[in-house]
N, C-alpha and C. Protein backbone atom coordinates (compact mmCIF):
# COMPACT_ATOMS: atom_id res chain seq x y z
N MET A 1 -111.95 -53.36 -192.32
CA MET A 1 -113.46 -52.97 -192.20
C MET A 1 -113.85 -53.45 -190.74
N LYS A 2 -114.60 -52.58 -190.06
CA LYS A 2 -115.13 -52.78 -188.73
C LYS A 2 -115.90 -53.97 -188.60
N LEU A 3 -116.28 -54.65 -187.51
CA LEU A 3 -117.10 -55.81 -187.38
C LEU A 3 -118.49 -55.20 -187.16
N LEU A 4 -119.41 -56.05 -187.45
CA LEU A 4 -120.75 -55.86 -187.60
C LEU A 4 -121.50 -56.44 -186.09
N LEU A 5 -122.38 -55.61 -185.67
CA LEU A 5 -123.00 -55.75 -184.45
C LEU A 5 -124.50 -55.86 -184.82
N PHE A 6 -125.00 -57.02 -184.82
CA PHE A 6 -126.60 -57.17 -185.01
C PHE A 6 -127.30 -56.65 -184.10
N ASP A 7 -128.28 -55.83 -184.17
CA ASP A 7 -129.30 -55.52 -183.26
C ASP A 7 -130.23 -56.50 -183.08
N GLN A 8 -131.01 -56.58 -182.11
CA GLN A 8 -132.13 -57.33 -181.40
C GLN A 8 -133.10 -57.95 -182.56
N ASN A 9 -133.63 -56.73 -183.42
CA ASN A 9 -134.64 -56.90 -184.45
C ASN A 9 -133.88 -57.57 -185.73
N ILE A 10 -132.86 -58.12 -185.70
CA ILE A 10 -132.09 -58.79 -186.64
C ILE A 10 -131.94 -60.09 -186.22
N SER A 11 -132.01 -61.30 -187.16
CA SER A 11 -131.86 -62.50 -186.80
C SER A 11 -130.34 -62.59 -186.41
N PRO A 12 -130.12 -63.48 -185.40
CA PRO A 12 -128.68 -63.84 -185.09
C PRO A 12 -128.10 -64.88 -186.08
N LYS A 13 -128.97 -65.44 -186.95
CA LYS A 13 -128.64 -66.42 -187.91
C LYS A 13 -127.51 -65.74 -188.94
N LEU A 14 -127.85 -64.33 -188.97
CA LEU A 14 -126.99 -63.81 -190.06
C LEU A 14 -125.43 -63.56 -189.68
N VAL A 15 -125.19 -63.96 -188.38
CA VAL A 15 -123.57 -64.04 -188.03
C VAL A 15 -122.90 -65.04 -188.78
N GLU A 16 -123.67 -66.21 -188.71
CA GLU A 16 -123.10 -67.34 -189.51
C GLU A 16 -123.20 -67.27 -190.86
N ARG A 17 -124.47 -66.95 -191.35
CA ARG A 17 -124.68 -66.82 -192.81
C ARG A 17 -123.69 -65.69 -193.44
N LEU A 18 -123.23 -64.82 -192.81
CA LEU A 18 -122.58 -63.81 -193.44
C LEU A 18 -121.12 -63.82 -192.96
N ALA A 19 -120.51 -64.89 -192.34
CA ALA A 19 -119.20 -65.11 -191.84
C ALA A 19 -118.23 -64.97 -192.85
N ASP A 20 -118.58 -65.53 -194.12
CA ASP A 20 -117.66 -65.39 -195.15
C ASP A 20 -117.20 -63.99 -195.56
N ILE A 21 -118.30 -63.11 -195.67
CA ILE A 21 -117.70 -61.78 -195.96
C ILE A 21 -117.62 -60.58 -194.71
N TYR A 22 -118.19 -61.06 -193.46
CA TYR A 22 -118.22 -60.24 -192.44
C TYR A 22 -117.73 -61.11 -191.11
N PRO A 23 -116.45 -61.47 -191.18
CA PRO A 23 -115.96 -62.26 -190.11
C PRO A 23 -115.92 -61.65 -188.76
N ASP A 24 -116.17 -62.54 -187.89
CA ASP A 24 -116.15 -62.11 -186.39
C ASP A 24 -117.05 -60.98 -186.04
N SER A 25 -118.29 -60.91 -186.66
CA SER A 25 -119.04 -60.09 -186.38
C SER A 25 -120.05 -60.77 -185.30
N ALA A 26 -121.03 -60.15 -184.66
CA ALA A 26 -121.72 -60.58 -183.51
C ALA A 26 -123.29 -60.21 -183.51
N HIS A 27 -123.90 -60.83 -182.88
CA HIS A 27 -125.38 -60.50 -182.40
C HIS A 27 -125.37 -60.05 -180.91
N VAL A 28 -126.08 -59.02 -180.72
CA VAL A 28 -126.31 -58.44 -179.31
C VAL A 28 -126.70 -59.79 -178.27
N SER A 29 -127.48 -60.90 -178.79
CA SER A 29 -127.68 -61.80 -177.81
C SER A 29 -126.39 -62.73 -177.51
N MET A 30 -125.43 -62.73 -178.44
CA MET A 30 -124.35 -63.51 -178.30
C MET A 30 -123.21 -62.67 -177.14
N LEU A 31 -123.59 -61.52 -177.05
CA LEU A 31 -122.71 -60.69 -176.27
C LEU A 31 -123.51 -60.47 -174.80
N GLY A 32 -124.69 -60.99 -174.52
CA GLY A 32 -125.50 -60.67 -173.37
C GLY A 32 -126.08 -59.45 -173.35
N LEU A 33 -126.19 -58.83 -174.61
CA LEU A 33 -126.84 -57.56 -174.53
C LEU A 33 -128.47 -57.57 -175.25
N ASP A 34 -128.94 -58.64 -175.19
CA ASP A 34 -130.31 -59.03 -175.86
C ASP A 34 -131.41 -58.24 -175.18
N HIS A 35 -131.14 -57.77 -173.96
CA HIS A 35 -131.90 -57.03 -172.94
C HIS A 35 -131.63 -55.67 -172.82
N ALA A 36 -130.33 -55.25 -173.23
CA ALA A 36 -129.91 -54.02 -173.09
C ALA A 36 -130.54 -52.74 -173.62
N LEU A 37 -130.51 -51.65 -173.06
CA LEU A 37 -131.07 -50.62 -173.69
C LEU A 37 -130.22 -50.20 -174.83
N ASP A 38 -130.80 -49.37 -175.87
CA ASP A 38 -130.11 -48.98 -177.14
C ASP A 38 -128.71 -48.27 -176.78
N THR A 39 -128.82 -47.48 -175.47
CA THR A 39 -127.69 -46.55 -175.29
C THR A 39 -126.58 -47.56 -174.80
N GLU A 40 -126.83 -48.73 -174.16
CA GLU A 40 -125.89 -49.77 -173.69
C GLU A 40 -125.25 -50.24 -174.85
N ILE A 41 -126.20 -50.63 -175.75
CA ILE A 41 -125.46 -51.24 -177.09
C ILE A 41 -124.92 -50.26 -177.50
N TRP A 42 -125.05 -49.11 -177.74
CA TRP A 42 -124.36 -48.01 -178.35
C TRP A 42 -123.03 -47.96 -177.86
N GLN A 43 -122.84 -47.89 -176.58
CA GLN A 43 -121.71 -47.85 -175.74
C GLN A 43 -120.78 -48.96 -176.04
N TYR A 44 -121.36 -50.19 -176.02
CA TYR A 44 -120.75 -51.52 -176.41
C TYR A 44 -119.84 -51.23 -177.76
N ALA A 45 -120.84 -51.15 -178.75
CA ALA A 45 -120.37 -50.86 -179.99
C ALA A 45 -119.26 -49.92 -180.15
N HIS A 46 -119.33 -48.81 -179.49
CA HIS A 46 -118.24 -47.76 -179.43
C HIS A 46 -117.06 -48.35 -178.89
N ASP A 47 -116.99 -48.99 -177.60
CA ASP A 47 -115.88 -49.46 -176.95
C ASP A 47 -115.32 -50.66 -177.55
N HIS A 48 -115.85 -51.35 -178.40
CA HIS A 48 -115.32 -52.47 -179.06
C HIS A 48 -115.32 -52.37 -180.72
N ASP A 49 -115.42 -51.32 -181.29
CA ASP A 49 -115.26 -50.85 -182.60
C ASP A 49 -116.09 -51.69 -183.54
N TYR A 50 -117.45 -51.84 -183.34
CA TYR A 50 -118.39 -52.28 -184.04
C TYR A 50 -119.08 -51.31 -184.87
N ILE A 51 -119.79 -51.79 -185.93
CA ILE A 51 -120.52 -50.93 -186.64
C ILE A 51 -122.22 -51.68 -186.40
N ILE A 52 -122.93 -50.97 -185.81
CA ILE A 52 -124.26 -51.44 -185.40
C ILE A 52 -125.26 -51.72 -186.76
N VAL A 53 -125.93 -52.78 -186.82
CA VAL A 53 -126.72 -53.06 -188.05
C VAL A 53 -128.09 -53.29 -187.39
N THR A 54 -129.01 -52.40 -187.77
CA THR A 54 -130.39 -52.39 -187.06
C THR A 54 -131.57 -51.99 -188.01
N LYS A 55 -132.57 -52.27 -187.82
CA LYS A 55 -133.77 -51.75 -188.47
C LYS A 55 -134.54 -50.73 -187.63
N ASP A 56 -133.92 -50.25 -186.48
CA ASP A 56 -134.45 -49.26 -185.57
C ASP A 56 -133.90 -47.93 -185.73
N ALA A 57 -134.91 -47.03 -185.82
CA ALA A 57 -134.62 -45.71 -186.13
C ALA A 57 -134.03 -44.96 -184.97
N ASP A 58 -134.05 -45.51 -183.58
CA ASP A 58 -133.35 -44.91 -182.47
C ASP A 58 -132.04 -44.90 -182.78
N PHE A 59 -131.42 -45.79 -183.18
CA PHE A 59 -129.99 -45.55 -183.42
C PHE A 59 -129.53 -44.54 -184.17
N SER A 60 -130.23 -44.12 -185.29
CA SER A 60 -129.94 -43.03 -186.10
C SER A 60 -130.06 -41.76 -185.38
N GLU A 61 -131.13 -41.72 -184.52
CA GLU A 61 -131.32 -40.55 -183.53
C GLU A 61 -130.13 -40.42 -182.40
N LEU A 62 -129.73 -41.52 -182.15
CA LEU A 62 -128.36 -41.58 -181.16
C LEU A 62 -127.30 -41.00 -181.86
N GLY A 63 -127.14 -41.28 -183.04
CA GLY A 63 -126.00 -40.78 -183.92
C GLY A 63 -125.88 -39.43 -184.01
N VAL A 64 -127.31 -38.84 -184.34
CA VAL A 64 -127.22 -37.36 -184.31
C VAL A 64 -127.04 -36.59 -182.93
N ILE A 65 -127.41 -37.25 -181.80
CA ILE A 65 -127.34 -36.74 -180.46
C ILE A 65 -125.66 -36.72 -180.07
N ARG A 66 -125.26 -37.97 -180.20
CA ARG A 66 -123.98 -38.43 -179.58
C ARG A 66 -122.69 -38.32 -180.76
N GLY A 67 -123.05 -38.35 -182.01
CA GLY A 67 -122.19 -38.30 -182.89
C GLY A 67 -121.64 -39.82 -183.13
N PHE A 68 -120.45 -39.79 -183.75
CA PHE A 68 -119.86 -41.10 -184.20
C PHE A 68 -118.49 -41.29 -183.68
N PRO A 69 -117.79 -42.41 -183.47
CA PRO A 69 -118.27 -43.92 -183.67
C PRO A 69 -119.34 -44.04 -182.58
N PRO A 70 -120.00 -44.99 -182.73
CA PRO A 70 -120.05 -46.19 -183.60
C PRO A 70 -120.96 -45.67 -184.80
N LYS A 71 -120.68 -46.30 -185.98
CA LYS A 71 -121.25 -46.12 -187.08
C LYS A 71 -122.67 -46.96 -187.21
N ILE A 72 -123.53 -46.55 -188.07
CA ILE A 72 -124.62 -47.34 -187.99
C ILE A 72 -125.03 -47.63 -189.45
N ILE A 73 -125.63 -49.00 -189.69
CA ILE A 73 -126.13 -49.42 -190.89
C ILE A 73 -127.64 -49.62 -190.51
N TRP A 74 -128.31 -48.69 -191.23
CA TRP A 74 -129.99 -48.77 -190.81
C TRP A 74 -130.52 -49.24 -192.13
N ILE A 75 -131.04 -50.44 -191.83
CA ILE A 75 -131.93 -51.13 -192.83
C ILE A 75 -133.24 -50.59 -192.89
N ARG A 76 -133.74 -50.07 -193.96
CA ARG A 76 -135.04 -49.59 -194.16
C ARG A 76 -135.85 -50.44 -194.98
N LYS A 77 -136.09 -51.82 -194.96
CA LYS A 77 -136.69 -52.47 -195.85
C LYS A 77 -138.02 -52.76 -195.33
N GLY A 78 -138.38 -52.49 -194.18
CA GLY A 78 -139.62 -52.85 -193.59
C GLY A 78 -139.62 -54.08 -193.02
N ASN A 79 -140.79 -54.93 -193.15
CA ASN A 79 -140.98 -56.05 -192.64
C ASN A 79 -140.44 -57.10 -193.87
N CYS A 80 -139.43 -57.83 -193.53
CA CYS A 80 -138.69 -58.64 -194.59
C CYS A 80 -138.24 -59.87 -193.79
N SER A 81 -137.76 -60.76 -194.75
CA SER A 81 -137.11 -61.93 -194.13
C SER A 81 -135.51 -61.78 -193.91
N THR A 82 -135.02 -62.85 -193.19
CA THR A 82 -133.69 -62.86 -192.78
C THR A 82 -133.02 -63.12 -194.11
N GLN A 83 -133.25 -63.58 -195.03
CA GLN A 83 -132.57 -63.78 -196.29
C GLN A 83 -132.67 -62.43 -197.12
N ALA A 84 -133.63 -61.68 -197.00
CA ALA A 84 -133.66 -60.54 -197.71
C ALA A 84 -132.73 -59.53 -197.15
N ILE A 85 -132.61 -59.48 -195.66
CA ILE A 85 -131.51 -58.74 -194.95
C ILE A 85 -130.04 -59.31 -195.31
N GLU A 86 -129.82 -60.56 -195.64
CA GLU A 86 -128.66 -61.07 -195.85
C GLU A 86 -128.20 -60.51 -197.27
N LEU A 87 -129.35 -60.61 -198.25
CA LEU A 87 -129.13 -60.07 -199.69
C LEU A 87 -128.65 -58.73 -199.72
N ILE A 88 -129.26 -58.03 -198.84
CA ILE A 88 -128.97 -56.35 -198.83
C ILE A 88 -127.38 -56.17 -198.44
N LEU A 89 -127.20 -57.03 -197.06
CA LEU A 89 -125.89 -56.81 -196.70
C LEU A 89 -124.69 -57.51 -197.62
N ARG A 90 -125.00 -58.51 -198.48
CA ARG A 90 -124.08 -58.83 -199.40
C ARG A 90 -123.99 -58.07 -200.62
N THR A 91 -125.08 -57.63 -201.20
CA THR A 91 -125.26 -56.58 -202.30
C THR A 91 -124.47 -55.33 -201.98
N ASN A 92 -124.36 -54.88 -200.75
CA ASN A 92 -124.04 -53.55 -200.40
C ASN A 92 -122.61 -53.56 -199.60
N PHE A 93 -122.00 -54.79 -199.92
CA PHE A 93 -120.56 -55.00 -199.17
C PHE A 93 -119.73 -53.76 -199.57
N ASP A 94 -119.68 -53.40 -200.65
CA ASP A 94 -118.49 -52.35 -201.20
C ASP A 94 -119.06 -50.97 -200.66
N ALA A 95 -120.18 -50.68 -200.40
CA ALA A 95 -120.71 -49.55 -199.77
C ALA A 95 -120.39 -49.41 -198.18
N ILE A 96 -120.73 -50.76 -197.47
CA ILE A 96 -120.47 -50.99 -196.19
C ILE A 96 -118.92 -50.69 -195.95
N LYS A 97 -118.20 -51.28 -196.74
CA LYS A 97 -116.80 -51.11 -196.67
C LYS A 97 -116.30 -49.81 -196.81
N PHE A 98 -116.77 -49.19 -197.77
CA PHE A 98 -116.41 -47.55 -197.67
C PHE A 98 -116.88 -46.78 -196.70
N ALA A 99 -118.01 -47.02 -196.16
CA ALA A 99 -118.73 -46.28 -194.92
C ALA A 99 -117.92 -46.55 -193.80
N SER A 100 -117.28 -47.81 -193.67
CA SER A 100 -116.60 -48.20 -192.56
C SER A 100 -115.31 -47.36 -192.28
N ALA A 101 -114.61 -47.09 -193.75
CA ALA A 101 -113.38 -46.38 -193.75
C ALA A 101 -113.61 -44.91 -193.62
N ASP A 102 -114.56 -44.30 -194.10
CA ASP A 102 -114.78 -43.03 -194.53
C ASP A 102 -115.20 -42.15 -193.13
N GLN A 103 -114.57 -41.29 -192.65
CA GLN A 103 -114.58 -40.65 -191.30
C GLN A 103 -115.77 -39.80 -191.58
N ASP A 104 -116.39 -39.30 -192.68
CA ASP A 104 -117.39 -38.48 -192.64
C ASP A 104 -118.75 -39.08 -192.83
N THR A 105 -118.64 -40.36 -192.72
CA THR A 105 -119.97 -41.21 -192.87
C THR A 105 -120.38 -41.88 -191.56
N GLY A 106 -121.38 -41.48 -191.04
CA GLY A 106 -121.96 -42.03 -189.67
C GLY A 106 -123.21 -43.07 -189.75
N ILE A 107 -123.84 -42.72 -190.78
CA ILE A 107 -125.00 -43.66 -191.00
C ILE A 107 -125.02 -44.01 -192.55
N LEU A 108 -125.29 -45.28 -192.73
CA LEU A 108 -125.45 -45.87 -194.14
C LEU A 108 -127.08 -46.53 -194.09
N THR A 109 -127.61 -45.87 -194.80
CA THR A 109 -129.02 -46.35 -195.01
C THR A 109 -129.21 -47.23 -196.12
N LEU A 110 -129.80 -48.38 -195.93
CA LEU A 110 -129.87 -49.48 -197.13
C LEU A 110 -131.44 -49.81 -197.15
N PHE A 111 -131.88 -49.89 -198.37
CA PHE A 111 -133.20 -50.32 -198.62
C PHE A 111 -133.32 -51.58 -199.25
């Protein structure tokens, strides 16, 4: 499975909290991309084989315009805690693993 790259709008704490099932994932702040434009994050994810995890609709729009990769996990939970996002990503591990491998899936929307 590809590595996860957490967008700025998601807590960097998730990298450590989810390391047991998503090892070697990263947060944009860990990579010096915390002030980068979405297009720069997109390109980094593309070049380094990451799946972008975001709460931002802009990445799904980039997917429509630019195609895939990178793939996007779009969390549509609204205003929620880091713990809630962790639970979403743990609960949907199999769906994320499938989307990572499926060539026809570009965006996985999770609620």
